[in-house]
PDB file of N, CA and C in Angstrom:
ATOM      1  N   MET A   1     132.278 247.646   8.047  1.00  0.00           N
ATOM      2  CA  MET A   1     132.147 246.559   8.095  1.00  0.00           C
ATOM      3  C   MET A   1     131.066 245.738   8.343  1.00  0.00           C
ATOM      4  N   HIS A   2     130.466 244.734   8.075  1.00  0.00           N
ATOM      5  CA  HIS A   2     129.400 244.292   8.349  1.00  0.00           C
ATOM      6  C   HIS A   2     129.154 242.708   9.311  1.00  0.00           C
ATOM      7  N   ALA A   3     128.619 242.789  10.349  1.00  0.00           N
ATOM      8  CA  ALA A   3     128.573 241.328  11.005  1.00  0.00           C
ATOM      9  C   ALA A   3     128.032 240.737  10.799  1.00  0.00           C
ATOM     10  N   LEU A   4     128.620 239.301  10.826  1.00  0.00           N
ATOM     11  CA  LEU A   4     127.623 237.957  10.813  1.00  0.00           C
ATOM     12  C   LEU A   4     126.445 238.077  11.067  1.00  0.00           C
ATOM     13  N   SER A   5     125.021 237.412  10.798  1.00  0.00           N
ATOM     14  CA  SER A   5     123.977 237.253  11.134  1.00  0.00           C
ATOM     15  C   SER A   5     124.397 235.678  12.199  1.00  0.00           C
ATOM     16  N   SER A   6     123.330 235.875  13.560  1.00  0.00           N
ATOM     17  CA  SER A   6     123.683 234.851  13.808  1.00  0.00           C
ATOM     18  C   SER A   6     123.378 233.374  12.950  1.00  0.00           C
ATOM     19  N   THR A   7     122.509 233.605  12.185  1.00  0.00           N
ATOM     20  CA  THR A   7     122.168 232.589  11.687  1.00  0.00           C
ATOM     21  C   THR A   7     123.190 232.088  10.504  1.00  0.00           C
ATOM     22  N   ALA A   8     123.863 232.841  10.239  1.00  0.00           N
ATOM     23  CA  ALA A   8     124.859 232.443   9.476  1.00  0.00           C
ATOM     24  C   ALA A   8     125.953 231.855  10.126  1.00  0.00           C
ATOM     25  N   THR A   9     126.416 232.546  11.221  1.00  0.00           N
ATOM     26  CA  THR A   9     127.785 232.172  12.173  1.00  0.00           C
ATOM     27  C   THR A   9     127.018 230.573  12.539  1.00  0.00           C
ATOM     28  N   LYS A  10     126.022 230.682  12.788  1.00  0.00           N
ATOM     29  CA  LYS A  10     125.556 228.731  13.278  1.00  0.00           C
ATOM     30  C   LYS A  10     125.769 227.942  12.097  1.00  0.00           C
ATOM     31  N   GLY A  11     125.204 228.445  10.930  1.00  0.00           N
ATOM     32  CA  GLY A  11     125.760 227.983   9.642  1.00  0.00           C
ATOM     33  C   GLY A  11     126.856 227.738   9.478  1.00  0.00           C
ATOM     34  N   MET A  12     127.820 228.319   9.383  1.00  0.00           N
ATOM     35  CA  MET A  12     129.047 228.265   9.738  1.00  0.00           C
ATOM     36  C   MET A  12     130.082 226.980  10.589  1.00  0.00           C
ATOM     37  N   LYS A  13     129.397 227.104  11.677  1.00  0.00           N
ATOM     38  CA  LYS A  13     129.979 226.356  12.599  1.00  0.00           C
ATOM     39  C   LYS A  13     128.932 224.755  12.336  1.00  0.00           C
ATOM     40  N   VAL A  14     127.641 224.612  11.780  1.00  0.00           N
ATOM     41  CA  VAL A  14     127.481 223.616  11.658  1.00  0.00           C
ATOM     42  C   VAL A  14     128.181 222.813  10.478  1.00  0.00           C
ATOM     43  N   ASP A  15     128.296 223.578   9.328  1.00  0.00           N
ATOM     44  CA  ASP A  15     129.322 223.185   8.223  1.00  0.00           C
ATOM     45  C   ASP A  15     130.810 222.962   8.324  1.00  0.00           C
ATOM     46  N   ARG A  16     131.080 223.827   9.611  1.00  0.00           N
ATOM     47  CA  ARG A  16     132.769 223.466   9.844  1.00  0.00           C
ATOM     48  C   ARG A  16     132.795 222.066  10.747  1.00  0.00           C
ATOM     49  N   LYS A  17     131.731 221.819  11.542  1.00  0.00           N
ATOM     50  CA  LYS A  17     131.343 220.359  12.419  1.00  0.00           C
ATOM     51  C   LYS A  17     131.623 219.446  11.426  1.00  0.00           C
ATOM     52  N   ALA A  18     130.377 219.369  10.235  1.00  0.00           N
ATOM     53  CA  ALA A  18     130.359 218.238   9.476  1.00  0.00           C
ATOM     54  C   ALA A  18     131.523 218.042   8.712  1.00  0.00           C
ATOM     55  N   LYS A  19     132.431 219.112   8.468  1.00  0.00           N
ATOM     56  CA  LYS A  19     133.691 218.954   7.375  1.00  0.00           C
ATOM     57  C   LYS A  19     134.671 218.197   8.683  1.00  0.00           C
ATOM     58  N   ILE A  20     134.561 218.571   9.884  1.00  0.00           N
ATOM     59  CA  ILE A  20     135.440 218.179  10.508  1.00  0.00           C
ATOM     60  C   ILE A  20     135.236 216.363  10.455  1.00  0.00           C
ATOM     61  N   ARG A  21     133.665 216.055  10.914  1.00  0.00           N
ATOM     62  CA  ARG A  21     133.485 214.791  10.946  1.00  0.00           C
ATOM     63  C   ARG A  21     133.840 214.152   9.583  1.00  0.00           C
ATOM     64  N   GLU A  22     133.497 214.568   8.702  1.00  0.00           N
ATOM     65  CA  GLU A  22     133.793 214.425   7.392  1.00  0.00           C
ATOM     66  C   GLU A  22     135.343 213.699   7.123  1.00  0.00           C
ATOM     67  N   TYR A  23     136.348 214.871   7.413  1.00  0.00           N
ATOM     68  CA  TYR A  23     137.690 214.585   7.245  1.00  0.00           C
ATOM     69  C   TYR A  23     137.958 213.206   8.291  1.00  0.00           C
ATOM     70  N   LYS A  24     137.438 213.000   9.773  1.00  0.00           N
ATOM     71  CA  LYS A  24     137.644 212.267  10.796  1.00  0.00           C
ATOM     72  C   LYS A  24     137.025 210.744   9.935  1.00  0.00           C
ATOM     73  N   ASP A  25     136.198 210.477   9.670  1.00  0.00           N
ATOM     74  CA  ASP A  25     135.345 209.325   9.346  1.00  0.00           C
ATOM     75  C   ASP A  25     136.292 209.039   7.449  1.00  0.00           C
ATOM     76  N   THR A  26     136.836 209.653   7.096  1.00  0.00           N
ATOM     77  CA  THR A  26     137.723 209.524   5.926  1.00  0.00           C
ATOM     78  C   THR A  26     138.882 208.705   6.202  1.00  0.00           C
ATOM     79  N   PRO A  27     138.624 207.041   5.826  1.00  0.00           N
ATOM     80  CA  PRO A  27     139.790 206.546   5.741  1.00  0.00           C
ATOM     81  C   PRO A  27     141.481 207.224   5.500  1.00  0.00           C
ATOM     82  N   ARG A  28     142.521 207.003   5.736  1.00  0.00           N
ATOM     83  CA  ARG A  28     143.865 207.226   5.619  1.00  0.00           C
ATOM     84  C   ARG A  28     144.390 206.146   4.789  1.00  0.00           C
ATOM     85  N   PRO A  29     145.082 206.857   4.131  1.00  0.00           N
ATOM     86  CA  PRO A  29     145.667 205.590   3.300  1.00  0.00           C
ATOM     87  C   PRO A  29     146.817 204.796   3.916  1.00  0.00           C
ATOM     88  N   MET A  30     146.944 203.464   3.678  1.00  0.00           N
ATOM     89  CA  MET A  30     147.893 202.558   4.383  1.00  0.00           C
ATOM     90  C   MET A  30     148.540 201.623   3.478  1.00  0.00           C
ATOM     91  N   GLY A  31     149.891 201.709   4.292  1.00  0.00           N
ATOM     92  CA  GLY A  31     150.550 200.842   3.598  1.00  0.00           C
ATOM     93  C   GLY A  31     151.884 200.805   3.215  1.00  0.00           C
ATOM     94  N   VAL A  32     152.951 200.980   2.847  1.00  0.00           N
ATOM     95  CA  VAL A  32     154.525 200.784   3.026  1.00  0.00           C
ATOM     96  C   VAL A  32     154.609 202.068   2.023  1.00  0.00           C
ATOM     97  N   PHE A  33     156.155 203.037   2.782  1.00  0.00           N
ATOM     98  CA  PHE A  33     156.510 204.361   2.030  1.00  0.00           C
ATOM     99  C   PHE A  33     158.244 204.073   2.458  1.00  0.00           C
ATOM    100  N   GLN A  34     158.777 204.707   1.681  1.00  0.00           N
ATOM    101  CA  GLN A  34     159.995 204.951   1.441  1.00  0.00           C
ATOM    102  C   GLN A  34     160.789 206.299   1.644  1.00  0.00           C
ATOM    103  N   ILE A  35     161.615 206.313   2.129  1.00  0.00           N
ATOM    104  CA  ILE A  35     162.136 207.733   2.477  1.00  0.00           C
ATOM    105  C   ILE A  35     163.807 207.358   1.668  1.00  0.00           C
ATOM    106  N   LYS A  36     163.674 208.171   0.714  1.00  0.00           N
ATOM    107  CA  LYS A  36     165.076 207.950  -0.682  1.00  0.00           C
ATOM    108  C   LYS A  36     165.861 209.120  -0.362  1.00  0.00           C
ATOM    109  N   ASN A  37     167.355 209.120  -0.352  1.00  0.00           N
ATOM    110  CA  ASN A  37     168.333 209.780  -0.068  1.00  0.00           C
ATOM    111  C   ASN A  37     168.674 209.900  -1.893  1.00  0.00           C
ATOM    112  N   LYS A  38     168.426 210.742  -2.904  1.00  0.00           N
ATOM    113  CA  LYS A  38     168.154 210.999  -4.119  1.00  0.00           C
ATOM    114  C   LYS A  38     170.043 211.053  -4.385  1.00  0.00           C
ATOM    115  N   VAL A  39     170.655 211.344  -3.912  1.00  0.00           N
ATOM    116  CA  VAL A  39     172.603 211.808  -3.911  1.00  0.00           C
ATOM    117  C   VAL A  39     173.091 210.298  -3.598  1.00  0.00           C
ATOM    118  N   ASN A  40     172.829 209.195  -2.761  1.00  0.00           N
ATOM    119  CA  ASN A  40     173.263 208.123  -2.746  1.00  0.00           C
ATOM    120  C   ASN A  40     172.631 206.727  -2.805  1.00  0.00           C
ATOM    121  N   ASP A  41     171.033 207.070  -2.987  1.00  0.00           N
ATOM    122  CA  ASP A  41     170.208 205.950  -3.311  1.00  0.00           C
ATOM    123  C   ASP A  41     169.910 205.352  -1.958  1.00  0.00           C
ATOM    124  N   LYS A  42     170.464 205.964  -0.657  1.00  0.00           N
ATOM    125  CA  LYS A  42     169.842 204.880   0.129  1.00  0.00           C
ATOM    126  C   LYS A  42     168.621 204.869   0.775  1.00  0.00           C
ATOM    127  N   ILE A  43     167.686 204.213   1.470  1.00  0.00           N
ATOM    128  CA  ILE A  43     166.621 203.994   1.456  1.00  0.00           C
ATOM    129  C   ILE A  43     166.365 203.573   3.046  1.00  0.00           C
ATOM    130  N   LEU A  44     165.202 203.872   3.003  1.00  0.00           N
ATOM    131  CA  LEU A  44     164.285 203.714   4.430  1.00  0.00           C
ATOM    132  C   LEU A  44     162.822 202.720   4.250  1.00  0.00           C
ATOM    133  N   ILE A  45     162.954 202.044   4.563  1.00  0.00           N
ATOM    134  CA  ILE A  45     161.157 201.191   4.481  1.00  0.00           C
ATOM    135  C   ILE A  45     160.652 201.535   5.687  1.00  0.00           C
ATOM    136  N   GLY A  46     159.315 201.318   5.587  1.00  0.00           N
ATOM    137  CA  GLY A  46     158.760 201.340   6.599  1.00  0.00           C
ATOM    138  C   GLY A  46     157.182 201.121   6.139  1.00  0.00           C
ATOM    139  N   SER A  47     156.279 200.851   7.168  1.00  0.00           N
ATOM    140  CA  SER A  47     154.805 201.019   6.811  1.00  0.00           C
ATOM    141  C   SER A  47     154.276 201.499   7.768  1.00  0.00           C
ATOM    142  N   SER A  48     152.922 201.952   7.757  1.00  0.00           N
ATOM    143  CA  SER A  48     152.249 202.984   8.710  1.00  0.00           C
ATOM    144  C   SER A  48     150.411 202.432   8.045  1.00  0.00           C
ATOM    145  N   ASN A  49     149.548 202.467   9.313  1.00  0.00           N
ATOM    146  CA  ASN A  49     148.059 202.480   8.813  1.00  0.00           C
ATOM    147  C   ASN A  49     147.513 204.101   8.685  1.00  0.00           C
ATOM    148  N   ASN A  50     148.462 204.817   8.267  1.00  0.00           N
ATOM    149  CA  ASN A  50     148.632 206.318   8.133  1.00  0.00           C
ATOM    150  C   ASN A  50     149.007 206.907   7.521  1.00  0.00           C
ATOM    151  N   LEU A  51     149.792 206.567   5.866  1.00  0.00           N
ATOM    152  CA  LEU A  51     151.067 206.884   5.288  1.00  0.00           C
ATOM    153  C   LEU A  51     151.146 208.540   5.115  1.00  0.00           C
ATOM    154  N   PRO A  52     150.034 209.176   5.320  1.00  0.00           N
ATOM    155  CA  PRO A  52     150.525 210.720   5.522  1.00  0.00           C
ATOM    156  C   PRO A  52     150.980 211.222   6.654  1.00  0.00           C
ATOM    157  N   ALA A  53     150.083 210.834   7.674  1.00  0.00           N
ATOM    158  CA  ALA A  53     150.713 211.371   9.017  1.00  0.00           C
ATOM    159  C   ALA A  53     152.397 210.706   9.306  1.00  0.00           C
ATOM    160  N   ILE A  54     152.382 209.431   9.095  1.00  0.00           N
ATOM    161  CA  ILE A  54     153.988 209.123   9.323  1.00  0.00           C
ATOM    162  C   ILE A  54     154.905 209.560   8.464  1.00  0.00           C
ATOM    163  N   LEU A  55     154.558 209.882   7.127  1.00  0.00           N
ATOM    164  CA  LEU A  55     155.427 210.685   6.161  1.00  0.00           C
ATOM    165  C   LEU A  55     155.704 212.036   6.766  1.00  0.00           C
ATOM    166  N   ASN A  56     154.659 212.851   6.895  1.00  0.00           N
ATOM    167  CA  ASN A  56     154.647 214.292   7.863  1.00  0.00           C
ATOM    168  C   ASN A  56     155.518 213.998   8.866  1.00  0.00           C
ATOM    169  N   ARG A  57     155.280 213.108  10.332  1.00  0.00           N
ATOM    170  CA  ARG A  57     156.040 212.961  11.374  1.00  0.00           C
ATOM    171  C   ARG A  57     157.363 212.758  11.043  1.00  0.00           C
ATOM    172  N   PHE A  58     157.889 212.325   9.667  1.00  0.00           N
ATOM    173  CA  PHE A  58     159.500 211.938   9.711  1.00  0.00           C
ATOM    174  C   PHE A  58     160.050 213.556   9.276  1.00  0.00           C
ATOM    175  N   ARG A  59     159.150 213.866   7.964  1.00  0.00           N
ATOM    176  CA  ARG A  59     159.900 215.420   7.956  1.00  0.00           C
ATOM    177  C   ARG A  59     160.351 216.681   8.868  1.00  0.00           C
ATOM    178  N   SER A  60     158.531 216.226   9.697  1.00  0.00           N
ATOM    179  CA  SER A  60     158.651 217.271  10.767  1.00  0.00           C
ATOM    180  C   SER A  60     160.456 216.642  11.843  1.00  0.00           C
ATOM    181  N   GLU A  61     160.318 215.680  12.140  1.00  0.00           N
ATOM    182  CA  GLU A  61     161.690 215.134  13.089  1.00  0.00           C
ATOM    183  C   GLU A  61     162.749 215.649  12.369  1.00  0.00           C
ATOM    184  N   LEU A  62     162.839 215.317  10.935  1.00  0.00           N
ATOM    185  CA  LEU A  62     164.029 215.486  10.519  1.00  0.00           C
ATOM    186  C   LEU A  62     164.043 217.266  10.571  1.00  0.00           C
ATOM    187  N   LYS A  63     163.258 217.946  10.022  1.00  0.00           N
ATOM    188  CA  LYS A  63     163.694 219.264  10.222  1.00  0.00           C
ATOM    189  C   LYS A  63     163.711 219.594  11.765  1.00  0.00           C
ATOM    190  N   MET A  64     163.334 219.283  12.718  1.00  0.00           N
ATOM    191  CA  MET A  64     164.079 219.404  14.039  1.00  0.00           C
ATOM    192  C   MET A  64     165.311 219.022  14.686  1.00  0.00           C
ATOM    193  N   GLY A  65     165.628 217.895  13.814  1.00  0.00           N
ATOM    194  CA  GLY A  65     166.733 217.312  14.266  1.00  0.00           C
ATOM    195  C   GLY A  65     166.715 216.399  14.910  1.00  0.00           C
ATOM    196  N   SER A  66     165.238 216.048  15.139  1.00  0.00           N
ATOM    197  CA  SER A  66     164.797 215.234  16.893  1.00  0.00           C
ATOM    198  C   SER A  66     164.455 213.765  15.782  1.00  0.00           C
ATOM    199  N   CYS A  67     164.895 212.973  14.692  1.00  0.00           N
ATOM    200  CA  CYS A  67     164.439 211.980  13.917  1.00  0.00           C
ATOM    201  C   CYS A  67     165.288 210.763  14.527  1.00  0.00           C
ATOM    202  N   ARG A  68     164.577 209.625  14.900  1.00  0.00           N
ATOM    203  CA  ARG A  68     165.059 208.849  15.533  1.00  0.00           C
ATOM    204  C   ARG A  68     166.326 207.858  15.250  1.00  0.00           C
ATOM    205  N   ASN A  69     166.061 208.023  13.681  1.00  0.00           N
ATOM    206  CA  ASN A  69     166.743 207.523  12.784  1.00  0.00           C
ATOM    207  C   ASN A  69     168.356 207.986  12.393  1.00  0.00           C
ATOM    208  N   ILE A  70     169.366 207.673  13.403  1.00  0.00           N
ATOM    209  CA  ILE A  70     170.272 208.777  13.364  1.00  0.00           C
ATOM    210  C   ILE A  70     170.906 208.928  12.361  1.00  0.00           C
ATOM    211  N   VAL A  71     171.287 207.872  11.460  1.00  0.00           N
ATOM    212  CA  VAL A  71     171.765 207.762  10.044  1.00  0.00           C
ATOM    213  C   VAL A  71     171.027 208.879   9.433  1.00  0.00           C
ATOM    214  N   LEU A  72     169.802 208.596   9.101  1.00  0.00           N
ATOM    215  CA  LEU A  72     169.397 209.380   8.609  1.00  0.00           C
ATOM    216  C   LEU A  72     169.315 210.653   8.785  1.00  0.00           C
ATOM    217  N   GLN A  73     169.181 211.280  10.168  1.00  0.00           N
ATOM    218  CA  GLN A  73     169.090 212.455  10.416  1.00  0.00           C
ATOM    219  C   GLN A  73     170.717 213.290  10.235  1.00  0.00           C
ATOM    220  N   GLU A  74     171.960 212.581  10.396  1.00  0.00           N
ATOM    221  CA  GLU A  74     172.770 212.726  10.320  1.00  0.00           C
ATOM    222  C   GLU A  74     172.984 213.487   8.465  1.00  0.00           C
ATOM    223  N   GLU A  75     172.451 212.075   7.521  1.00  0.00           N
ATOM    224  CA  GLU A  75     172.694 212.666   5.989  1.00  0.00           C
ATOM    225  C   GLU A  75     171.465 213.854   5.697  1.00  0.00           C
ATOM    226  N   TRP A  76     170.464 213.648   6.465  1.00  0.00           N
ATOM    227  CA  TRP A  76     169.629 214.943   5.984  1.00  0.00           C
ATOM    228  C   TRP A  76     170.467 216.000   6.181  1.00  0.00           C
ATOM    229  N   LYS A  77     171.352 216.477   7.048  1.00  0.00           N
ATOM    230  CA  LYS A  77     171.970 217.701   7.829  1.00  0.00           C
ATOM    231  C   LYS A  77     173.083 217.858   6.655  1.00  0.00           C
ATOM    232  N   GLN A  78     173.738 216.455   5.897  1.00  0.00           N
ATOM    233  CA  GLN A  78     174.730 216.627   5.310  1.00  0.00           C
ATOM    234  C   GLN A  78     174.429 216.741   3.933  1.00  0.00           C
ATOM    235  N   PHE A  79     173.404 216.261   3.710  1.00  0.00           N
ATOM    236  CA  PHE A  79     172.930 216.346   1.943  1.00  0.00           C
ATOM    237  C   PHE A  79     171.445 217.737   1.507  1.00  0.00           C
ATOM    238  N   SER A  80     171.405 218.075   2.729  1.00  0.00           N
ATOM    239  CA  SER A  80     170.131 218.879   3.240  1.00  0.00           C
ATOM    240  C   SER A  80     168.592 218.088   2.364  1.00  0.00           C
ATOM    241  N   PRO A  81     167.841 218.742   2.653  1.00  0.00           N
ATOM    242  CA  PRO A  81     166.076 218.656   2.497  1.00  0.00           C
ATOM    243  C   PRO A  81     165.586 218.202   0.781  1.00  0.00           C
ATOM    244  N   ASP A  82     166.367 218.908   0.212  1.00  0.00           N
ATOM    245  CA  ASP A  82     166.429 218.538  -1.031  1.00  0.00           C
ATOM    246  C   ASP A  82     166.679 217.079  -1.601  1.00  0.00           C
ATOM    247  N   ALA A  83     167.498 216.896  -0.926  1.00  0.00           N
ATOM    248  CA  ALA A  83     168.694 215.712  -1.402  1.00  0.00           C
ATOM    249  C   ALA A  83     167.331 214.145  -1.221  1.00  0.00           C
ATOM    250  N   PHE A  84     166.221 214.283  -0.975  1.00  0.00           N
ATOM    251  CA  PHE A  84     165.074 213.043  -0.248  1.00  0.00           C
ATOM    252  C   PHE A  84     163.857 213.249  -0.548  1.00  0.00           C
ATOM    253  N   GLU A  85     163.605 212.158  -0.915  1.00  0.00           N
ATOM    254  CA  GLU A  85     161.933 211.762  -1.436  1.00  0.00           C
ATOM    255  C   GLU A  85     161.600 211.161  -0.300  1.00  0.00           C
ATOM    256  N   PHE A  86     159.950 211.395  -0.196  1.00  0.00           N
ATOM    257  CA  PHE A  86     159.159 210.587   0.552  1.00  0.00           C
ATOM    258  C   PHE A  86     158.157 210.131  -0.269  1.00  0.00           C
ATOM    259  N   GLU A  87     157.565 208.925  -0.492  1.00  0.00           N
ATOM    260  CA  GLU A  87     157.008 207.785  -1.144  1.00  0.00           C
ATOM    261  C   GLU A  87     156.262 206.930  -0.645  1.00  0.00           C
ATOM    262  N   GLU A  88     154.980 206.857  -1.024  1.00  0.00           N
ATOM    263  CA  GLU A  88     154.071 205.875  -0.858  1.00  0.00           C
ATOM    264  C   GLU A  88     154.711 204.781  -1.907  1.00  0.00           C
ATOM    265  N   ILE A  89     155.052 203.333  -1.328  1.00  0.00           N
ATOM    266  CA  ILE A  89     154.960 202.778  -2.370  1.00  0.00           C
ATOM    267  C   ILE A  89     154.290 201.560  -2.689  1.00  0.00           C
ATOM    268  N   GLU A  90     153.211 201.196  -1.959  1.00  0.00           N
ATOM    269  CA  GLU A  90     152.372 200.137  -1.909  1.00  0.00           C
ATOM    270  C   GLU A  90     151.113 200.698  -1.047  1.00  0.00           C
ATOM    271  N   ILE A  91     150.134 200.966  -1.425  1.00  0.00           N
ATOM    272  CA  ILE A  91     148.746 201.268  -0.602  1.00  0.00           C
ATOM    273  C   ILE A  91     148.066 199.649  -0.510  1.00  0.00           C
ATOM    274  N   LEU A  92     147.702 199.294   0.979  1.00  0.00           N
ATOM    275  CA  LEU A  92     147.172 198.754   1.160  1.00  0.00           C
ATOM    276  C   LEU A  92     145.430 198.932   1.297  1.00  0.00           C
ATOM    277  N   LYS A  93     144.681 197.936   0.625  1.00  0.00           N
ATOM    278  CA  LYS A  93     142.780 198.397   0.640  1.00  0.00           C
ATOM    279  C   LYS A  93     142.310 198.023   1.771  1.00  0.00           C
ATOM    280  N   PRO A  94     141.728 198.765   2.204  1.00  0.00           N
ATOM    281  CA  PRO A  94     141.007 198.082   3.709  1.00  0.00           C
ATOM    282  C   PRO A  94     140.009 197.070   3.035  1.00  0.00           C
ATOM    283  N   LEU A  95     139.887 196.193   3.916  1.00  0.00           N
ATOM    284  CA  LEU A  95     138.782 195.202   3.768  1.00  0.00           C
ATOM    285  C   LEU A  95     137.354 195.825   4.376  1.00  0.00           C
ATOM    286  N   ASP A  96     136.480 195.494   3.820  1.00  0.00           N
ATOM    287  CA  ASP A  96     135.141 195.819   3.987  1.00  0.00           C
ATOM    288  C   ASP A  96     134.567 194.950   5.787  1.00  0.00           C
ATOM    289  N   ASN A  97     135.366 195.153   6.740  1.00  0.00           N
ATOM    290  CA  ASN A  97     134.994 194.092   7.753  1.00  0.00           C
ATOM    291  C   ASN A  97     135.264 194.973   8.962  1.00  0.00           C
ATOM    292  N   PRO A  98     134.435 195.365   9.896  1.00  0.00           N
ATOM    293  CA  PRO A  98     135.101 196.453  10.560  1.00  0.00           C
ATOM    294  C   PRO A  98     136.117 195.966  11.774  1.00  0.00           C
ATOM    295  N   SER A  99     136.011 194.432  11.795  1.00  0.00           N
ATOM    296  CA  SER A  99     137.276 193.818  12.899  1.00  0.00           C
ATOM    297  C   SER A  99     138.389 193.649  12.134  1.00  0.00           C
ATOM    298  N   TYR A 100     138.505 194.101  11.056  1.00  0.00           N
ATOM    299  CA  TYR A 100     139.847 193.743  10.138  1.00  0.00           C
ATOM    300  C   TYR A 100     140.955 194.577  10.919  1.00  0.00           C
ATOM    301  N   ASN A 101     141.904 193.939  11.412  1.00  0.00           N
ATOM    302  CA  ASN A 101     143.033 194.768  11.816  1.00  0.00           C
ATOM    303  C   ASN A 101     144.492 194.853  10.627  1.00  0.00           C
ATOM    304  N   PRO A 102     144.854 195.740  10.441  1.00  0.00           N
ATOM    305  CA  PRO A 102     145.539 195.576   8.932  1.00  0.00           C
ATOM    306  C   PRO A 102     147.304 195.525   9.036  1.00  0.00           C
ATOM    307  N   SER A 103     147.382 195.475  10.660  1.00  0.00           N
ATOM    308  CA  SER A 103     148.664 195.237  11.369  1.00  0.00           C
ATOM    309  C   SER A 103     149.804 194.276  10.697  1.00  0.00           C
ATOM    310  N   GLU A 104     149.092 192.941  10.833  1.00  0.00           N
ATOM    311  CA  GLU A 104     149.723 191.618  10.193  1.00  0.00           C
ATOM    312  C   GLU A 104     149.725 191.850   8.584  1.00  0.00           C
ATOM    313  N   ASP A 105     149.111 192.251   7.790  1.00  0.00           N
ATOM    314  CA  ASP A 105     149.509 192.777   6.569  1.00  0.00           C
ATOM    315  C   ASP A 105     150.264 193.901   6.113  1.00  0.00           C
ATOM    316  N   LEU A 106     150.150 194.717   6.939  1.00  0.00           N
ATOM    317  CA  LEU A 106     151.129 195.887   6.974  1.00  0.00           C
ATOM    318  C   LEU A 106     152.809 195.351   7.162  1.00  0.00           C
ATOM    319  N   HIS A 107     153.172 194.650   7.725  1.00  0.00           N
ATOM    320  CA  HIS A 107     153.630 194.129   8.018  1.00  0.00           C
ATOM    321  C   HIS A 107     154.438 193.239   7.243  1.00  0.00           C
ATOM    322  N   PHE A 108     153.668 192.538   6.894  1.00  0.00           N
ATOM    323  CA  PHE A 108     154.011 191.398   5.837  1.00  0.00           C
ATOM    324  C   PHE A 108     154.475 192.016   4.573  1.00  0.00           C
ATOM    325  N   LEU A 109     154.006 193.275   3.951  1.00  0.00           N
ATOM    326  CA  LEU A 109     154.047 194.029   2.985  1.00  0.00           C
ATOM    327  C   LEU A 109     155.476 194.879   2.825  1.00  0.00           C
ATOM    328  N   GLU A 110     155.431 195.094   4.467  1.00  0.00           N
ATOM    329  CA  GLU A 110     157.190 195.810   4.603  1.00  0.00           C
ATOM    330  C   GLU A 110     157.980 194.996   4.411  1.00  0.00           C
ATOM    331  N   LYS A 111     157.780 193.740   5.100  1.00  0.00           N
ATOM    332  CA  LYS A 111     158.798 192.491   4.985  1.00  0.00           C
ATOM    333  C   LYS A 111     159.595 192.241   3.566  1.00  0.00           C
ATOM    334  N   LEU A 112     157.994 192.140   2.377  1.00  0.00           N
ATOM    335  CA  LEU A 112     158.351 191.898   1.500  1.00  0.00           C
ATOM    336  C   LEU A 112     159.264 193.118   0.410  1.00  0.00           C
ATOM    337  N   TRP A 113     158.696 194.508   0.978  1.00  0.00           N
ATOM    338  CA  TRP A 113     159.598 194.940   0.170  1.00  0.00           C
ATOM    339  C   TRP A 113     160.700 195.350   0.688  1.00  0.00           C
ATOM    340  N   THR A 114     161.041 195.136   2.099  1.00  0.00           N
ATOM    341  CA  THR A 114     162.383 194.876   2.475  1.00  0.00           C
ATOM    342  C   THR A 114     163.377 194.253   1.712  1.00  0.00           C
ATOM    343  N   GLU A 115     162.982 193.005   1.835  1.00  0.00           N
ATOM    344  CA  GLU A 115     163.295 191.996   1.297  1.00  0.00           C
ATOM    345  C   GLU A 115     163.620 192.135  -0.406  1.00  0.00           C
ATOM    346  N   LYS A 116     162.995 193.038  -0.604  1.00  0.00           N
ATOM    347  CA  LYS A 116     162.838 193.137  -2.443  1.00  0.00           C
ATOM    348  C   LYS A 116     164.324 194.151  -2.640  1.00  0.00           C
ATOM    349  N   LEU A 117     164.144 195.806  -1.903  1.00  0.00           N
ATOM    350  CA  LEU A 117     165.023 196.795  -2.080  1.00  0.00           C
ATOM    351  C   LEU A 117     166.617 196.363  -0.799  1.00  0.00           C
ATOM    352  N   LYS A 118     166.146 195.367  -0.086  1.00  0.00           N
ATOM    353  CA  LYS A 118     167.591 195.431   1.129  1.00  0.00           C
ATOM    354  C   LYS A 118     168.004 196.602   1.399  1.00  0.00           C
ATOM    355  N   PRO A 119     167.502 197.304   2.174  1.00  0.00           N
ATOM    356  CA  PRO A 119     167.551 198.774   2.694  1.00  0.00           C
ATOM    357  C   PRO A 119     168.514 198.218   3.869  1.00  0.00           C
ATOM    358  N   TYR A 120     170.147 197.693   3.560  1.00  0.00           N
ATOM    359  CA  TYR A 120     170.648 197.470   4.323  1.00  0.00           C
ATOM    360  C   TYR A 120     172.085 198.366   4.058  1.00  0.00           C
ATOM    361  N   GLY A 121     173.171 198.224   5.184  1.00  0.00           N
ATOM    362  CA  GLY A 121     174.395 198.886   5.021  1.00  0.00           C
ATOM    363  C   GLY A 121     174.421 200.126   4.050  1.00  0.00           C
ATOM    364  N   ASN A 122     175.231 200.070   2.948  1.00  0.00           N
ATOM    365  CA  ASN A 122     175.419 200.900   2.272  1.00  0.00           C
ATOM    366  C   ASN A 122     174.319 201.611   1.192  1.00  0.00           C
ATOM    367  N   LYS A 123     173.253 200.543   1.334  1.00  0.00           N
ATOM    368  CA  LYS A 123     171.784 200.857   0.244  1.00  0.00           C
ATOM    369  C   LYS A 123     170.821 201.370   1.278  1.00  0.00           C
ATOM    370  N   GLY A 124     170.548 201.447   2.716  1.00  0.00           N
ATOM    371  CA  GLY A 124     169.885 201.905   3.572  1.00  0.00           C
ATOM    372  C   GLY A 124     170.019 202.253   4.658  1.00  0.00           C
ATOM    373  N   PHE A 125     169.295 202.844   5.156  1.00  0.00           N
ATOM    374  CA  PHE A 125     169.209 203.474   7.017  1.00  0.00           C
ATOM    375  C   PHE A 125     169.271 202.408   7.774  1.00  0.00           C
ATOM    376  N   ILE A 126     169.022 201.091   7.517  1.00  0.00           N
ATOM    377  CA  ILE A 126     168.798 200.156   8.760  1.00  0.00           C
ATOM    378  C   ILE A 126     170.629 199.612   9.181  1.00  0.00           C
ATOM    379  N   LYS A 127     171.041 199.650  10.158  1.00  0.00           N
ATOM    380  CA  LYS A 127     172.569 199.126  10.492  1.00  0.00           C
ATOM    381  C   LYS A 127     172.328 197.403  10.624  1.00  0.00           C
ATOM    382  N   VAL A 128     173.285 197.170  10.174  1.00  0.00           N
ATOM    383  CA  VAL A 128     173.411 195.391  10.090  1.00  0.00           C
ATOM    384  C   VAL A 128     174.562 195.018  10.987  1.00  0.00           C
ATOM    385  N   GLU A 129     173.933 194.416  11.976  1.00  0.00           N
ATOM    386  CA  GLU A 129     174.873 193.788  13.085  1.00  0.00           C
ATOM    387  C   GLU A 129     175.508 192.423  12.955  1.00  0.00           C
TER     388      GLU A 129
END
């Protein structure tokens, strides 16, 4: 085996740090998502300023049995993970304004999709009271 020279090691560290910085500086897609039970067509609508992260969080929570949406968790157990589809349904383009806060726009888009798809009662994972 050959040991890496200190120059090569330094180059790898710099390259790794640059890649980490580039990853952190890359804006994440934000927008509206849905989680759909393909067996009964029930859906959950939500929004996030980091769609990959929120969808990964839901997948992890469901796999671990700790999802806050109890009905969704029960159906995950009943129908199996293969019955579910995780989808980004609308991407919000960020404005070129450093002070832009997407919260209101995300909330508005989520409300529009909720009104359009009506994920209530037998059609969704939101309890109607």
